[in-house]
Amino acid sequence: MILFALLLQAAAQQPNPIAMGLPLLLIIAIFYLLVFMPMQRQKKRQAQMISSLQNGNVVQTSGGLVGTIVGVNTDDTLILRVKPDNIKLQVSRSSVTGLVQEEKKS
């Protein structure tokens, strides 16, 4: 009988609003840590890499072109020399997706 009275009393109490919102806040915090923080770090590294481009770097563009930088213009463009015919192309600095590591010749 006492157990039934305790259960009835517990059911009559209002749930704590903080305890109800805590799981939602925890999910948002985990989502932020797993998704948004790595994305921000990647954007920061990409911007740093783009700002540090210089002559002689071998880069790959978003279109898949691989070329060597032979000129850096002040209007946010680069001049790439693309093999095998050594064609020179003018591309936007923001189209560069990464630096290409050249293989060492033995």
PDB file of N, CA and C in Angstrom:
ATOM      1  N   MET A   1       0.816  -1.187   0.000  1.00  0.00           N
ATOM      2  CA  MET A   1       0.000   0.000   0.000  1.00  0.00           C
ATOM      3  C   MET A   1       0.864   1.257   0.000  1.00  0.00           C
ATOM      4  N   ILE A   2       1.976   1.227   0.747  1.00  0.00           N
ATOM      5  CA  ILE A   2       2.858   2.381   0.818  1.00  0.00           C
ATOM      6  C   ILE A   2       3.538   2.596  -0.533  1.00  0.00           C
ATOM      7  N   LEU A   3       3.902   1.499  -1.189  1.00  0.00           N
ATOM      8  CA  LEU A   3       4.535   1.599  -2.498  1.00  0.00           C
ATOM      9  C   LEU A   3       3.588   2.246  -3.504  1.00  0.00           C
ATOM     10  N   PHE A   4       2.321   1.873  -3.460  1.00  0.00           N
ATOM     11  CA  PHE A   4       1.330   2.459  -4.354  1.00  0.00           C
ATOM     12  C   PHE A   4       1.166   3.949  -4.091  1.00  0.00           C
ATOM     13  N   ALA A   5       1.198   4.352  -2.849  1.00  0.00           N
ATOM     14  CA  ALA A   5       1.071   5.765  -2.488  1.00  0.00           C
ATOM     15  C   ALA A   5       2.278   6.560  -2.990  1.00  0.00           C
ATOM     16  N   LEU A   6       3.457   5.985  -2.884  1.00  0.00           N
ATOM     17  CA  LEU A   6       4.659   6.667  -3.380  1.00  0.00           C
ATOM     18  C   LEU A   6       4.614   6.819  -4.892  1.00  0.00           C
ATOM     19  N   LEU A   7       4.180   5.781  -5.606  1.00  0.00           N
ATOM     20  CA  LEU A   7       4.068   5.866  -7.058  1.00  0.00           C
ATOM     21  C   LEU A   7       3.037   6.910  -7.469  1.00  0.00           C
ATOM     22  N   LEU A   8       1.935   6.974  -6.766  1.00  0.00           N
ATOM     23  CA  LEU A   8       0.891   7.953  -7.054  1.00  0.00           C
ATOM     24  C   LEU A   8       1.389   9.371  -6.796  1.00  0.00           C
ATOM     25  N   GLN A   9       2.158   9.555  -5.741  1.00  0.00           N
ATOM     26  CA  GLN A   9       2.705  10.870  -5.421  1.00  0.00           C
ATOM     27  C   GLN A   9       3.743  11.278  -6.462  1.00  0.00           C
ATOM     28  N   ALA A  10       4.583  10.355  -6.928  1.00  0.00           N
ATOM     29  CA  ALA A  10       5.598  10.663  -7.928  1.00  0.00           C
ATOM     30  C   ALA A  10       4.960  11.011  -9.265  1.00  0.00           C
ATOM     31  N   ALA A  11       3.846  10.372  -9.596  1.00  0.00           N
ATOM     32  CA  ALA A  11       3.160  10.663 -10.852  1.00  0.00           C
ATOM     33  C   ALA A  11       2.473  12.013 -10.803  1.00  0.00           C
ATOM     34  N   ALA A  12       2.094  12.475  -9.650  1.00  0.00           N
ATOM     35  CA  ALA A  12       1.396  13.750  -9.523  1.00  0.00           C
ATOM     36  C   ALA A  12       2.344  14.941  -9.598  1.00  0.00           C
ATOM     37  N   GLN A  13       3.641  14.744  -9.362  1.00  0.00           N
ATOM     38  CA  GLN A  13       4.589  15.855  -9.397  1.00  0.00           C
ATOM     39  C   GLN A  13       4.868  16.263 -10.841  1.00  0.00           C
ATOM     40  N   GLN A  14       5.145  17.549 -11.033  1.00  0.00           N
ATOM     41  CA  GLN A  14       5.493  18.078 -12.353  1.00  0.00           C
ATOM     42  C   GLN A  14       6.937  17.696 -12.677  1.00  0.00           C
ATOM     43  N   PRO A  15       7.211  17.333 -13.948  1.00  0.00           N
ATOM     44  CA  PRO A  15       8.598  17.013 -14.312  1.00  0.00           C
ATOM     45  C   PRO A  15       9.454  18.290 -14.318  1.00  0.00           C
ATOM     46  N   ASN A  16      10.701  18.144 -14.004  1.00  0.00           N
ATOM     47  CA  ASN A  16      11.638  19.258 -13.953  1.00  0.00           C
ATOM     48  C   ASN A  16      11.949  19.717 -15.385  1.00  0.00           C
ATOM     49  N   PRO A  17      11.715  20.992 -15.735  1.00  0.00           N
ATOM     50  CA  PRO A  17      11.970  21.444 -17.106  1.00  0.00           C
ATOM     51  C   PRO A  17      13.454  21.406 -17.485  1.00  0.00           C
ATOM     52  N   ILE A  18      14.335  21.579 -16.515  1.00  0.00           N
ATOM     53  CA  ILE A  18      15.770  21.517 -16.802  1.00  0.00           C
ATOM     54  C   ILE A  18      16.153  20.090 -17.183  1.00  0.00           C
ATOM     55  N   ALA A  19      15.619  19.124 -16.467  1.00  0.00           N
ATOM     56  CA  ALA A  19      15.930  17.727 -16.760  1.00  0.00           C
ATOM     57  C   ALA A  19      15.363  17.312 -18.117  1.00  0.00           C
ATOM     58  N   MET A  20      14.271  17.930 -18.535  1.00  0.00           N
ATOM     59  CA  MET A  20      13.685  17.591 -19.835  1.00  0.00           C
ATOM     60  C   MET A  20      14.497  18.214 -20.978  1.00  0.00           C
ATOM     61  N   GLY A  21      15.096  19.382 -20.767  1.00  0.00           N
ATOM     62  CA  GLY A  21      15.859  20.050 -21.815  1.00  0.00           C
ATOM     63  C   GLY A  21      17.310  19.625 -21.882  1.00  0.00           C
ATOM     64  N   LEU A  22      17.799  18.970 -20.858  1.00  0.00           N
ATOM     65  CA  LEU A  22      19.192  18.558 -20.805  1.00  0.00           C
ATOM     66  C   LEU A  22      19.585  17.590 -21.928  1.00  0.00           C
ATOM     67  N   PRO A  23      18.797  16.572 -22.253  1.00  0.00           N
ATOM     68  CA  PRO A  23      19.188  15.690 -23.368  1.00  0.00           C
ATOM     69  C   PRO A  23      19.284  16.428 -24.706  1.00  0.00           C
ATOM     70  N   LEU A  24      18.390  17.378 -24.939  1.00  0.00           N
ATOM     71  CA  LEU A  24      18.435  18.144 -26.181  1.00  0.00           C
ATOM     72  C   LEU A  24      19.703  18.996 -26.248  1.00  0.00           C
ATOM     73  N   LEU A  25      20.055  19.638 -25.149  1.00  0.00           N
ATOM     74  CA  LEU A  25      21.285  20.427 -25.104  1.00  0.00           C
ATOM     75  C   LEU A  25      22.518  19.544 -25.289  1.00  0.00           C
ATOM     76  N   LEU A  26      22.490  18.363 -24.730  1.00  0.00           N
ATOM     77  CA  LEU A  26      23.597  17.429 -24.876  1.00  0.00           C
ATOM     78  C   LEU A  26      23.748  16.986 -26.332  1.00  0.00           C
ATOM     79  N   ILE A  27      22.660  16.725 -27.014  1.00  0.00           N
ATOM     80  CA  ILE A  27      22.701  16.336 -28.433  1.00  0.00           C
ATOM     81  C   ILE A  27      23.251  17.477 -29.276  1.00  0.00           C
ATOM     82  N   ILE A  28      22.829  18.703 -29.011  1.00  0.00           N
ATOM     83  CA  ILE A  28      23.317  19.863 -29.762  1.00  0.00           C
ATOM     84  C   ILE A  28      24.812  20.050 -29.535  1.00  0.00           C
ATOM     85  N   ALA A  29      25.282  19.892 -28.303  1.00  0.00           N
ATOM     86  CA  ALA A  29      26.704  20.047 -28.001  1.00  0.00           C
ATOM     87  C   ALA A  29      27.538  18.981 -28.709  1.00  0.00           C
ATOM     88  N   ILE A  30      27.077  17.750 -28.723  1.00  0.00           N
ATOM     89  CA  ILE A  30      27.806  16.670 -29.401  1.00  0.00           C
ATOM     90  C   ILE A  30      27.828  16.923 -30.901  1.00  0.00           C
ATOM     91  N   PHE A  31      26.705  17.350 -31.470  1.00  0.00           N
ATOM     92  CA  PHE A  31      26.637  17.648 -32.907  1.00  0.00           C
ATOM     93  C   PHE A  31      27.616  18.762 -33.256  1.00  0.00           C
ATOM     94  N   TYR A  32      27.686  19.791 -32.431  1.00  0.00           N
ATOM     95  CA  TYR A  32      28.622  20.895 -32.668  1.00  0.00           C
ATOM     96  C   TYR A  32      30.063  20.399 -32.633  1.00  0.00           C
ATOM     97  N   LEU A  33      30.396  19.585 -31.646  1.00  0.00           N
ATOM     98  CA  LEU A  33      31.766  19.095 -31.511  1.00  0.00           C
ATOM     99  C   LEU A  33      32.161  18.160 -32.650  1.00  0.00           C
ATOM    100  N   LEU A  34      31.231  17.367 -33.149  1.00  0.00           N
ATOM    101  CA  LEU A  34      31.555  16.384 -34.179  1.00  0.00           C
ATOM    102  C   LEU A  34      31.439  16.907 -35.600  1.00  0.00           C
ATOM    103  N   VAL A  35      30.646  17.958 -35.818  1.00  0.00           N
ATOM    104  CA  VAL A  35      30.416  18.430 -37.186  1.00  0.00           C
ATOM    105  C   VAL A  35      30.984  19.827 -37.419  1.00  0.00           C
ATOM    106  N   PHE A  36      30.589  20.790 -36.639  1.00  0.00           N
ATOM    107  CA  PHE A  36      30.914  22.176 -36.935  1.00  0.00           C
ATOM    108  C   PHE A  36      32.365  22.539 -36.614  1.00  0.00           C
ATOM    109  N   MET A  37      32.917  22.050 -35.531  1.00  0.00           N
ATOM    110  CA  MET A  37      34.309  22.383 -35.205  1.00  0.00           C
ATOM    111  C   MET A  37      35.294  21.859 -36.249  1.00  0.00           C
ATOM    112  N   PRO A  38      35.186  20.597 -36.684  1.00  0.00           N
ATOM    113  CA  PRO A  38      36.111  20.142 -37.742  1.00  0.00           C
ATOM    114  C   PRO A  38      35.920  20.902 -39.054  1.00  0.00           C
ATOM    115  N   MET A  39      34.696  21.289 -39.369  1.00  0.00           N
ATOM    116  CA  MET A  39      34.441  22.045 -40.594  1.00  0.00           C
ATOM    117  C   MET A  39      35.103  23.424 -40.518  1.00  0.00           C
ATOM    118  N   GLN A  40      35.040  24.064 -39.371  1.00  0.00           N
ATOM    119  CA  GLN A  40      35.679  25.368 -39.203  1.00  0.00           C
ATOM    120  C   GLN A  40      37.200  25.255 -39.295  1.00  0.00           C
ATOM    121  N   ARG A  41      37.769  24.186 -38.709  1.00  0.00           N
ATOM    122  CA  ARG A  41      39.210  23.977 -38.804  1.00  0.00           C
ATOM    123  C   ARG A  41      39.644  23.755 -40.244  1.00  0.00           C
ATOM    124  N   GLN A  42      38.841  22.988 -41.002  1.00  0.00           N
ATOM    125  CA  GLN A  42      39.174  22.724 -42.395  1.00  0.00           C
ATOM    126  C   GLN A  42      39.119  24.004 -43.223  1.00  0.00           C
ATOM    127  N   LYS A  43      38.120  24.843 -43.004  1.00  0.00           N
ATOM    128  CA  LYS A  43      38.034  26.120 -43.721  1.00  0.00           C
ATOM    129  C   LYS A  43      39.223  27.013 -43.393  1.00  0.00           C
ATOM    130  N   LYS A  44      39.640  27.016 -42.139  1.00  0.00           N
ATOM    131  CA  LYS A  44      40.775  27.835 -41.725  1.00  0.00           C
ATOM    132  C   LYS A  44      42.060  27.352 -42.395  1.00  0.00           C
ATOM    133  N   ARG A  45      42.279  26.023 -42.438  1.00  0.00           N
ATOM    134  CA  ARG A  45      43.465  25.473 -43.101  1.00  0.00           C
ATOM    135  C   ARG A  45      43.450  25.763 -44.597  1.00  0.00           C
ATOM    136  N   GLN A  46      42.275  25.672 -45.233  1.00  0.00           N
ATOM    137  CA  GLN A  46      42.152  25.948 -46.670  1.00  0.00           C
ATOM    138  C   GLN A  46      42.486  27.414 -46.954  1.00  0.00           C
ATOM    139  N   ALA A  47      41.960  28.325 -46.150  1.00  0.00           N
ATOM    140  CA  ALA A  47      42.247  29.753 -46.346  1.00  0.00           C
ATOM    141  C   ALA A  47      43.731  30.051 -46.132  1.00  0.00           C
ATOM    142  N   GLN A  48      44.350  29.398 -45.160  1.00  0.00           N
ATOM    143  CA  GLN A  48      45.773  29.598 -44.907  1.00  0.00           C
ATOM    144  C   GLN A  48      46.597  29.072 -46.075  1.00  0.00           C
ATOM    145  N   MET A  49      46.215  27.908 -46.621  1.00  0.00           N
ATOM    146  CA  MET A  49      46.935  27.332 -47.744  1.00  0.00           C
ATOM    147  C   MET A  49      46.808  28.226 -48.977  1.00  0.00           C
ATOM    148  N   ILE A  50      45.622  28.760 -49.238  1.00  0.00           N
ATOM    149  CA  ILE A  50      45.409  29.623 -50.401  1.00  0.00           C
ATOM    150  C   ILE A  50      46.203  30.918 -50.271  1.00  0.00           C
ATOM    151  N   SER A  51      46.269  31.463 -49.074  1.00  0.00           N
ATOM    152  CA  SER A  51      46.998  32.725 -48.904  1.00  0.00           C
ATOM    153  C   SER A  51      48.508  32.534 -48.996  1.00  0.00           C
ATOM    154  N   SER A  52      49.001  31.315 -48.780  1.00  0.00           N
ATOM    155  CA  SER A  52      50.447  31.092 -48.797  1.00  0.00           C
ATOM    156  C   SER A  52      50.952  30.530 -50.125  1.00  0.00           C
ATOM    157  N   LEU A  53      50.134  30.519 -51.166  1.00  0.00           N
ATOM    158  CA  LEU A  53      50.580  30.008 -52.464  1.00  0.00           C
ATOM    159  C   LEU A  53      51.650  30.914 -53.058  1.00  0.00           C
ATOM    160  N   GLN A  54      52.646  30.292 -53.688  1.00  0.00           N
ATOM    161  CA  GLN A  54      53.725  31.061 -54.296  1.00  0.00           C
ATOM    162  C   GLN A  54      54.233  30.335 -55.533  1.00  0.00           C
ATOM    163  N   ASN A  55      55.094  31.013 -56.283  1.00  0.00           N
ATOM    164  CA  ASN A  55      55.649  30.439 -57.498  1.00  0.00           C
ATOM    165  C   ASN A  55      56.375  29.135 -57.191  1.00  0.00           C
ATOM    166  N   GLY A  56      56.191  28.156 -58.082  1.00  0.00           N
ATOM    167  CA  GLY A  56      56.862  26.876 -57.930  1.00  0.00           C
ATOM    168  C   GLY A  56      56.037  25.820 -57.236  1.00  0.00           C
ATOM    169  N   ASN A  57      54.937  26.197 -56.553  1.00  0.00           N
ATOM    170  CA  ASN A  57      54.073  25.216 -55.917  1.00  0.00           C
ATOM    171  C   ASN A  57      53.320  24.426 -56.986  1.00  0.00           C
ATOM    172  N   VAL A  58      53.198  23.122 -56.782  1.00  0.00           N
ATOM    173  CA  VAL A  58      52.382  22.284 -57.656  1.00  0.00           C
ATOM    174  C   VAL A  58      51.037  22.134 -56.976  1.00  0.00           C
ATOM    175  N   VAL A  59      49.954  22.526 -57.672  1.00  0.00           N
ATOM    176  CA  VAL A  59      48.628  22.560 -57.075  1.00  0.00           C
ATOM    177  C   VAL A  59      47.626  21.803 -57.938  1.00  0.00           C
ATOM    178  N   GLN A  60      46.510  21.456 -57.314  1.00  0.00           N
ATOM    179  CA  GLN A  60      45.387  20.850 -58.026  1.00  0.00           C
ATOM    180  C   GLN A  60      44.183  21.769 -57.864  1.00  0.00           C
ATOM    181  N   THR A  61      43.461  21.979 -58.976  1.00  0.00           N
ATOM    182  CA  THR A  61      42.286  22.844 -58.940  1.00  0.00           C
ATOM    183  C   THR A  61      41.031  22.015 -58.720  1.00  0.00           C
ATOM    184  N   SER A  62      39.934  22.694 -58.468  1.00  0.00           N
ATOM    185  CA  SER A  62      38.669  21.996 -58.261  1.00  0.00           C
ATOM    186  C   SER A  62      38.193  21.301 -59.529  1.00  0.00           C
ATOM    187  N   GLY A  63      38.681  21.727 -60.681  1.00  0.00           N
ATOM    188  CA  GLY A  63      38.332  21.069 -61.941  1.00  0.00           C
ATOM    189  C   GLY A  63      39.197  19.870 -62.250  1.00  0.00           C
ATOM    190  N   GLY A  64      40.204  19.596 -61.419  1.00  0.00           N
ATOM    191  CA  GLY A  64      41.049  18.440 -61.604  1.00  0.00           C
ATOM    192  C   GLY A  64      42.355  18.722 -62.322  1.00  0.00           C
ATOM    193  N   LEU A  65      42.609  19.970 -62.679  1.00  0.00           N
ATOM    194  CA  LEU A  65      43.871  20.309 -63.330  1.00  0.00           C
ATOM    195  C   LEU A  65      45.002  20.314 -62.313  1.00  0.00           C
ATOM    196  N   VAL A  66      46.151  19.771 -62.732  1.00  0.00           N
ATOM    197  CA  VAL A  66      47.345  19.800 -61.892  1.00  0.00           C
ATOM    198  C   VAL A  66      48.386  20.623 -62.633  1.00  0.00           C
ATOM    199  N   GLY A  67      48.903  21.638 -61.974  1.00  0.00           N
ATOM    200  CA  GLY A  67      49.873  22.498 -62.627  1.00  0.00           C
ATOM    201  C   GLY A  67      50.791  23.169 -61.634  1.00  0.00           C
ATOM    202  N   THR A  68      51.838  23.772 -62.185  1.00  0.00           N
ATOM    203  CA  THR A  68      52.824  24.493 -61.378  1.00  0.00           C
ATOM    204  C   THR A  68      52.540  25.984 -61.475  1.00  0.00           C
ATOM    205  N   ILE A  69      52.557  26.663 -60.349  1.00  0.00           N
ATOM    206  CA  ILE A  69      52.315  28.106 -60.328  1.00  0.00           C
ATOM    207  C   ILE A  69      53.542  28.808 -60.900  1.00  0.00           C
ATOM    208  N   VAL A  70      53.324  29.624 -61.944  1.00  0.00           N
ATOM    209  CA  VAL A  70      54.427  30.397 -62.520  1.00  0.00           C
ATOM    210  C   VAL A  70      54.206  31.892 -62.331  1.00  0.00           C
ATOM    211  N   GLY A  71      53.032  32.278 -61.864  1.00  0.00           N
ATOM    212  CA  GLY A  71      52.766  33.689 -61.623  1.00  0.00           C
ATOM    213  C   GLY A  71      51.611  33.869 -60.664  1.00  0.00           C
ATOM    214  N   VAL A  72      51.759  34.848 -59.786  1.00  0.00           N
ATOM    215  CA  VAL A  72      50.696  35.184 -58.833  1.00  0.00           C
ATOM    216  C   VAL A  72      50.309  36.621 -59.098  1.00  0.00           C
ATOM    217  N   ASN A  73      49.072  36.829 -59.558  1.00  0.00           N
ATOM    218  CA  ASN A  73      48.592  38.180 -59.857  1.00  0.00           C
ATOM    219  C   ASN A  73      47.971  38.797 -58.617  1.00  0.00           C
ATOM    220  N   THR A  74      47.938  40.110 -58.590  1.00  0.00           N
ATOM    221  CA  THR A  74      47.369  40.813 -57.440  1.00  0.00           C
ATOM    222  C   THR A  74      45.845  40.774 -57.432  1.00  0.00           C
ATOM    223  N   ASP A  75      45.235  40.486 -58.569  1.00  0.00           N
ATOM    224  CA  ASP A  75      43.768  40.481 -58.624  1.00  0.00           C
ATOM    225  C   ASP A  75      43.190  39.104 -58.305  1.00  0.00           C
ATOM    226  N   ASP A  76      43.854  38.354 -57.402  1.00  0.00           N
ATOM    227  CA  ASP A  76      43.376  37.073 -56.889  1.00  0.00           C
ATOM    228  C   ASP A  76      43.318  35.977 -57.954  1.00  0.00           C
ATOM    229  N   THR A  77      44.255  36.012 -58.891  1.00  0.00           N
ATOM    230  CA  THR A  77      44.354  34.939 -59.874  1.00  0.00           C
ATOM    231  C   THR A  77      45.778  34.397 -59.900  1.00  0.00           C
ATOM    232  N   LEU A  78      45.896  33.193 -60.408  1.00  0.00           N
ATOM    233  CA  LEU A  78      47.189  32.527 -60.537  1.00  0.00           C
ATOM    234  C   LEU A  78      47.390  32.129 -61.986  1.00  0.00           C
ATOM    235  N   ILE A  79      48.636  32.027 -62.398  1.00  0.00           N
ATOM    236  CA  ILE A  79      48.954  31.496 -63.718  1.00  0.00           C
ATOM    237  C   ILE A  79      49.624  30.151 -63.497  1.00  0.00           C
ATOM    238  N   LEU A  80      48.994  29.096 -64.056  1.00  0.00           N
ATOM    239  CA  LEU A  80      49.498  27.740 -63.911  1.00  0.00           C
ATOM    240  C   LEU A  80      50.116  27.267 -65.210  1.00  0.00           C
ATOM    241  N   ARG A  81      51.203  26.514 -65.109  1.00  0.00           N
ATOM    242  CA  ARG A  81      51.778  25.836 -66.269  1.00  0.00           C
ATOM    243  C   ARG A  81      51.373  24.379 -66.149  1.00  0.00           C
ATOM    244  N   VAL A  82      50.626  23.903 -67.166  1.00  0.00           N
ATOM    245  CA  VAL A  82      50.073  22.557 -67.151  1.00  0.00           C
ATOM    246  C   VAL A  82      50.841  21.702 -68.148  1.00  0.00           C
ATOM    247  N   LYS A  83      51.295  20.543 -67.713  1.00  0.00           N
ATOM    248  CA  LYS A  83      52.017  19.613 -68.576  1.00  0.00           C
ATOM    249  C   LYS A  83      51.019  18.861 -69.438  1.00  0.00           C
ATOM    250  N   PRO A  84      51.325  18.248 -70.519  1.00  0.00           N
ATOM    251  CA  PRO A  84      52.624  17.966 -71.095  1.00  0.00           C
ATOM    252  C   PRO A  84      53.074  19.040 -72.072  1.00  0.00           C
ATOM    253  N   ASP A  85      52.186  19.933 -72.496  1.00  0.00           N
ATOM    254  CA  ASP A  85      52.555  20.921 -73.512  1.00  0.00           C
ATOM    255  C   ASP A  85      52.951  22.257 -72.913  1.00  0.00           C
ATOM    256  N   ASN A  86      53.068  22.330 -71.590  1.00  0.00           N
ATOM    257  CA  ASN A  86      53.422  23.565 -70.884  1.00  0.00           C
ATOM    258  C   ASN A  86      52.491  24.719 -71.237  1.00  0.00           C
ATOM    259  N   ILE A  87      51.211  24.408 -71.267  1.00  0.00           N
ATOM    260  CA  ILE A  87      50.194  25.428 -71.517  1.00  0.00           C
ATOM    261  C   ILE A  87      50.041  26.264 -70.254  1.00  0.00           C
ATOM    262  N   LYS A  88      49.912  27.571 -70.419  1.00  0.00           N
ATOM    263  CA  LYS A  88      49.710  28.455 -69.273  1.00  0.00           C
ATOM    264  C   LYS A  88      48.232  28.813 -69.189  1.00  0.00           C
ATOM    265  N   LEU A  89      47.670  28.633 -68.008  1.00  0.00           N
ATOM    266  CA  LEU A  89      46.262  28.923 -67.758  1.00  0.00           C
ATOM    267  C   LEU A  89      46.147  29.902 -66.602  1.00  0.00           C
ATOM    268  N   GLN A  90      45.174  30.792 -66.712  1.00  0.00           N
ATOM    269  CA  GLN A  90      44.902  31.713 -65.612  1.00  0.00           C
ATOM    270  C   GLN A  90      43.684  31.175 -64.862  1.00  0.00           C
ATOM    271  N   VAL A  91      43.854  30.925 -63.567  1.00  0.00           N
ATOM    272  CA  VAL A  91      42.774  30.379 -62.743  1.00  0.00           C
ATOM    273  C   VAL A  91      42.590  31.246 -61.503  1.00  0.00           C
ATOM    274  N   SER A  92      41.419  31.154 -60.944  1.00  0.00           N
ATOM    275  CA  SER A  92      41.133  31.863 -59.700  1.00  0.00           C
ATOM    276  C   SER A  92      41.865  31.190 -58.544  1.00  0.00           C
ATOM    277  N   ARG A  93      42.337  31.990 -57.626  1.00  0.00           N
ATOM    278  CA  ARG A  93      43.046  31.455 -56.462  1.00  0.00           C
ATOM    279  C   ARG A  93      42.126  30.557 -55.640  1.00  0.00           C
ATOM    280  N   SER A  94      40.837  30.874 -55.594  1.00  0.00           N
ATOM    281  CA  SER A  94      39.905  30.084 -54.793  1.00  0.00           C
ATOM    282  C   SER A  94      39.581  28.730 -55.418  1.00  0.00           C
ATOM    283  N   SER A  95      39.963  28.515 -56.694  1.00  0.00           N
ATOM    284  CA  SER A  95      39.708  27.218 -57.311  1.00  0.00           C
ATOM    285  C   SER A  95      40.759  26.183 -56.944  1.00  0.00           C
ATOM    286  N   VAL A  96      41.815  26.593 -56.268  1.00  0.00           N
ATOM    287  CA  VAL A  96      42.854  25.655 -55.840  1.00  0.00           C
ATOM    288  C   VAL A  96      42.326  24.879 -54.639  1.00  0.00           C
ATOM    289  N   THR A  97      42.373  23.542 -54.754  1.00  0.00           N
ATOM    290  CA  THR A  97      41.875  22.708 -53.660  1.00  0.00           C
ATOM    291  C   THR A  97      42.982  22.145 -52.788  1.00  0.00           C
ATOM    292  N   GLY A  98      44.210  22.100 -53.317  1.00  0.00           N
ATOM    293  CA  GLY A  98      45.279  21.575 -52.477  1.00  0.00           C
ATOM    294  C   GLY A  98      46.614  21.557 -53.194  1.00  0.00           C
ATOM    295  N   LEU A  99      47.640  21.365 -52.396  1.00  0.00           N
ATOM    296  CA  LEU A  99      48.997  21.228 -52.921  1.00  0.00           C
ATOM    297  C   LEU A  99      49.225  19.755 -53.264  1.00  0.00           C
ATOM    298  N   VAL A 100      49.991  19.517 -54.337  1.00  0.00           N
ATOM    299  CA  VAL A 100      50.302  18.159 -54.755  1.00  0.00           C
ATOM    300  C   VAL A 100      51.735  17.847 -54.345  1.00  0.00           C
ATOM    301  N   GLN A 101      51.913  16.730 -53.697  1.00  0.00           N
ATOM    302  CA  GLN A 101      53.257  16.297 -53.296  1.00  0.00           C
ATOM    303  C   GLN A 101      53.910  15.604 -54.477  1.00  0.00           C
ATOM    304  N   GLU A 102      55.041  16.105 -54.902  1.00  0.00           N
ATOM    305  CA  GLU A 102      55.754  15.497 -56.023  1.00  0.00           C
ATOM    306  C   GLU A 102      56.562  14.302 -55.508  1.00  0.00           C
ATOM    307  N   GLU A 103      56.621  13.263 -56.329  1.00  0.00           N
ATOM    308  CA  GLU A 103      57.410  12.085 -55.976  1.00  0.00           C
ATOM    309  C   GLU A 103      58.885  12.389 -56.162  1.00  0.00           C
ATOM    310  N   LYS A 104      59.716  11.887 -55.263  1.00  0.00           N
ATOM    311  CA  LYS A 104      61.151  12.094 -55.371  1.00  0.00           C
ATOM    312  C   LYS A 104      61.710  11.150 -56.407  1.00  0.00           C
ATOM    313  N   LYS A 105      62.543  11.681 -57.304  1.00  0.00           N
ATOM    314  CA  LYS A 105      63.156  10.860 -58.344  1.00  0.00           C
ATOM    315  C   LYS A 105      64.441  10.250 -57.803  1.00  0.00           C
ATOM    316  N   SER A 106      64.607   8.947 -57.995  1.00  0.00           N
ATOM    317  CA  SER A 106      65.807   8.272 -57.494  1.00  0.00           C
ATOM    318  C   SER A 106      66.822   8.099 -58.579  1.00  0.00           C
TER     319      SER A 106
END
